[in-house]
Amino acid sequence: MPYLYLAIAIVAEVIATSFLKQSDGFRNLGPSLVMAAGYAIAFYFLSLALRDIPTGVAYAIWSGVGIVLIATVAWVFQGQRLDAPALFGMAMIVAGVAILNLFSRTAAH
């Protein structure tokens, strides 16, 4: 269950961050409300995940997966271009999260 909580937190944070740009400095009420609700949900579920997942591991997963998902959302929906170095860097982030979870004793609780 803690990894489900972490997944919900990550998705909520990605949604919130995606709407942050659309909020236009909090000038647009709708996107601002979605952003605020998304961050509230994200931090609530992250706090639940941290009951069982070590903080460093949870944050590594949160940030690594979040970076890749945000970049993907920005590419698909906001027209951001991703060049080869950006894609390589994101692949390295995913590899780092995978190594942490598959091979490190740090991930054990």
C-alpha atoms as a PDB file:
ATOM      1  CA  MET A   1       0.000   0.000   0.000  1.00  0.00           C
ATOM      2  CA  PRO A   2       2.758   2.575   0.653  1.00  0.00           C
ATOM      3  CA  TYR A   3       3.889   2.438  -2.978  1.00  0.00           C
ATOM      4  CA  LEU A   4       0.298   3.006  -4.113  1.00  0.00           C
ATOM      5  CA  TYR A   5       0.217   6.082  -1.864  1.00  0.00           C
ATOM      6  CA  LEU A   6       3.482   7.245  -3.394  1.00  0.00           C
ATOM      7  CA  ALA A   7       2.120   6.710  -6.920  1.00  0.00           C
ATOM      8  CA  ILE A   8      -0.988   8.758  -6.094  1.00  0.00           C
ATOM      9  CA  ALA A   9       1.250  11.485  -4.638  1.00  0.00           C
ATOM     10  CA  ILE A  10       3.380  11.548  -7.781  1.00  0.00           C
ATOM     11  CA  VAL A  11       0.397  11.742 -10.135  1.00  0.00           C
ATOM     12  CA  ALA A  12      -1.196  14.501  -8.052  1.00  0.00           C
ATOM     13  CA  GLU A  13       2.075  16.446  -8.042  1.00  0.00           C
ATOM     14  CA  VAL A  14       2.438  16.075 -11.810  1.00  0.00           C
ATOM     15  CA  ILE A  15      -1.102  17.371 -12.325  1.00  0.00           C
ATOM     16  CA  ALA A  16      -0.485  20.257  -9.929  1.00  0.00           C
ATOM     17  CA  THR A  17       2.797  21.216 -11.566  1.00  0.00           C
ATOM     18  CA  SER A  18       1.217  21.029 -15.026  1.00  0.00           C
ATOM     19  CA  PHE A  19      -1.497  23.455 -13.934  1.00  0.00           C
ATOM     20  CA  LEU A  20       1.035  25.775 -12.292  1.00  0.00           C
ATOM     21  CA  LYS A  21       2.012  27.149 -15.694  1.00  0.00           C
ATOM     22  CA  GLN A  22      -1.640  27.542 -16.698  1.00  0.00           C
ATOM     23  CA  SER A  23      -2.382  29.441 -13.481  1.00  0.00           C
ATOM     24  CA  ASP A  24      -0.320  32.331 -14.919  1.00  0.00           C
ATOM     25  CA  GLY A  25       1.036  33.466 -11.572  1.00  0.00           C
ATOM     26  CA  PHE A  26      -2.266  32.642  -9.853  1.00  0.00           C
ATOM     27  CA  ARG A  27      -4.153  35.012 -12.170  1.00  0.00           C
ATOM     28  CA  ASN A  28      -6.368  32.218 -13.549  1.00  0.00           C
ATOM     29  CA  LEU A  29      -8.607  30.904 -10.791  1.00  0.00           C
ATOM     30  CA  GLY A  30      -9.501  27.474 -12.226  1.00  0.00           C
ATOM     31  CA  PRO A  31      -5.957  26.275 -12.899  1.00  0.00           C
ATOM     32  CA  SER A  32      -4.829  27.812  -9.583  1.00  0.00           C
ATOM     33  CA  LEU A  33      -7.432  25.788  -7.688  1.00  0.00           C
ATOM     34  CA  VAL A  34      -6.481  22.564  -9.509  1.00  0.00           C
ATOM     35  CA  MET A  35      -2.839  23.263  -8.710  1.00  0.00           C
ATOM     36  CA  ALA A  36      -3.520  23.915  -5.007  1.00  0.00           C
ATOM     37  CA  ALA A  37      -5.705  20.823  -4.675  1.00  0.00           C
ATOM     38  CA  GLY A  38      -3.127  18.714  -6.517  1.00  0.00           C
ATOM     39  CA  TYR A  39      -0.310  19.761  -4.205  1.00  0.00           C
ATOM     40  CA  ALA A  40      -2.482  19.199  -1.117  1.00  0.00           C
ATOM     41  CA  ILE A  41      -3.363  15.689  -2.305  1.00  0.00           C
ATOM     42  CA  ALA A  42       0.262  15.015  -3.253  1.00  0.00           C
ATOM     43  CA  PHE A  43       1.648  15.936   0.142  1.00  0.00           C
ATOM     44  CA  TYR A  44      -1.094  14.096   1.999  1.00  0.00           C
ATOM     45  CA  PHE A  45      -0.411  10.842   0.153  1.00  0.00           C
ATOM     46  CA  LEU A  46       3.350  11.368   0.392  1.00  0.00           C
ATOM     47  CA  SER A  47       2.959  11.628   4.160  1.00  0.00           C
ATOM     48  CA  LEU A  48       1.087   8.313   4.150  1.00  0.00           C
ATOM     49  CA  ALA A  49       3.786   6.674   2.021  1.00  0.00           C
ATOM     50  CA  LEU A  50       6.485   7.906   4.402  1.00  0.00           C
ATOM     51  CA  ARG A  51       5.028   5.797   7.182  1.00  0.00           C
ATOM     52  CA  ASP A  52       6.640   2.757   5.521  1.00  0.00           C
ATOM     53  CA  ILE A  53       9.082   3.988   2.872  1.00  0.00           C
ATOM     54  CA  PRO A  54      12.342   5.625   3.983  1.00  0.00           C
ATOM     55  CA  THR A  55      12.317   9.355   3.258  1.00  0.00           C
ATOM     56  CA  GLY A  56      15.345   9.306   0.956  1.00  0.00           C
ATOM     57  CA  VAL A  57      13.965   6.439  -1.095  1.00  0.00           C
ATOM     58  CA  ALA A  58      10.509   7.979  -1.363  1.00  0.00           C
ATOM     59  CA  TYR A  59      11.964  11.318  -2.405  1.00  0.00           C
ATOM     60  CA  ALA A  60      14.247   9.709  -4.991  1.00  0.00           C
ATOM     61  CA  ILE A  61      11.277   7.935  -6.544  1.00  0.00           C
ATOM     62  CA  TRP A  62       9.051  11.022  -6.232  1.00  0.00           C
ATOM     63  CA  SER A  63      11.534  13.331  -7.895  1.00  0.00           C
ATOM     64  CA  GLY A  64      12.806  10.888 -10.517  1.00  0.00           C
ATOM     65  CA  VAL A  65       9.432   9.712 -11.731  1.00  0.00           C
ATOM     66  CA  GLY A  66       8.028  13.222 -11.369  1.00  0.00           C
ATOM     67  CA  ILE A  67      10.735  14.746 -13.564  1.00  0.00           C
ATOM     68  CA  VAL A  68      10.110  12.251 -16.334  1.00  0.00           C
ATOM     69  CA  LEU A  69       6.323  12.587 -16.148  1.00  0.00           C
ATOM     70  CA  ILE A  70       6.408  16.399 -16.028  1.00  0.00           C
ATOM     71  CA  ALA A  71       8.758  16.511 -19.009  1.00  0.00           C
ATOM     72  CA  THR A  72       6.452  14.130 -20.874  1.00  0.00           C
ATOM     73  CA  VAL A  73       3.359  16.202 -20.073  1.00  0.00           C
ATOM     74  CA  ALA A  74       5.171  19.386 -21.115  1.00  0.00           C
ATOM     75  CA  TRP A  75       6.230  17.720 -24.374  1.00  0.00           C
ATOM     76  CA  VAL A  76       2.764  16.332 -25.211  1.00  0.00           C
ATOM     77  CA  PHE A  77       0.544  19.173 -24.001  1.00  0.00           C
ATOM     78  CA  GLN A  78       2.706  22.305 -23.826  1.00  0.00           C
ATOM     79  CA  GLY A  79       4.912  21.920 -26.887  1.00  0.00           C
ATOM     80  CA  GLN A  80       8.203  21.623 -25.003  1.00  0.00           C
ATOM     81  CA  ARG A  81      10.923  20.086 -27.138  1.00  0.00           C
ATOM     82  CA  LEU A  82      13.124  17.354 -25.718  1.00  0.00           C
ATOM     83  CA  ASP A  83      16.494  16.868 -27.375  1.00  0.00           C
ATOM     84  CA  ALA A  84      18.756  13.822 -27.154  1.00  0.00           C
ATOM     85  CA  PRO A  85      20.671  15.027 -24.057  1.00  0.00           C
ATOM     86  CA  ALA A  86      17.384  15.674 -22.235  1.00  0.00           C
ATOM     87  CA  LEU A  87      16.099  12.217 -23.113  1.00  0.00           C
ATOM     88  CA  PHE A  88      19.408  10.645 -22.076  1.00  0.00           C
ATOM     89  CA  GLY A  89      19.350  12.527 -18.779  1.00  0.00           C
ATOM     90  CA  MET A  90      15.809  11.366 -18.049  1.00  0.00           C
ATOM     91  CA  ALA A  91      16.810   7.788 -18.878  1.00  0.00           C
ATOM     92  CA  MET A  92      19.650   8.105 -16.363  1.00  0.00           C
ATOM     93  CA  ILE A  93      17.195   9.343 -13.730  1.00  0.00           C
ATOM     94  CA  VAL A  94      14.924   6.351 -14.340  1.00  0.00           C
ATOM     95  CA  ALA A  95      17.954   4.044 -14.187  1.00  0.00           C
ATOM     96  CA  GLY A  96      19.005   5.589 -10.882  1.00  0.00           C
ATOM     97  CA  VAL A  97      15.566   5.074  -9.349  1.00  0.00           C
ATOM     98  CA  ALA A  98      15.523   1.483 -10.615  1.00  0.00           C
ATOM     99  CA  ILE A  99      18.983   0.775  -9.182  1.00  0.00           C
ATOM    100  CA  LEU A 100      17.981   2.257  -5.846  1.00  0.00           C
ATOM    101  CA  ASN A 101      14.885   0.086  -5.638  1.00  0.00           C
ATOM    102  CA  LEU A 102      16.281  -3.127  -7.083  1.00  0.00           C
ATOM    103  CA  PHE A 103      19.788  -3.300  -5.677  1.00  0.00           C
ATOM    104  CA  SER A 104      20.142  -1.014  -2.687  1.00  0.00           C
ATOM    105  CA  ARG A 105      19.519  -2.138   0.877  1.00  0.00           C
ATOM    106  CA  THR A 106      18.510   1.465   1.565  1.00  0.00           C
ATOM    107  CA  ALA A 107      15.117   0.744   0.014  1.00  0.00           C
ATOM    108  CA  ALA A 108      14.435  -2.012   2.545  1.00  0.00           C
ATOM    109  CA  HIS A 109      12.456  -0.925   5.564  1.00  0.00           C
END
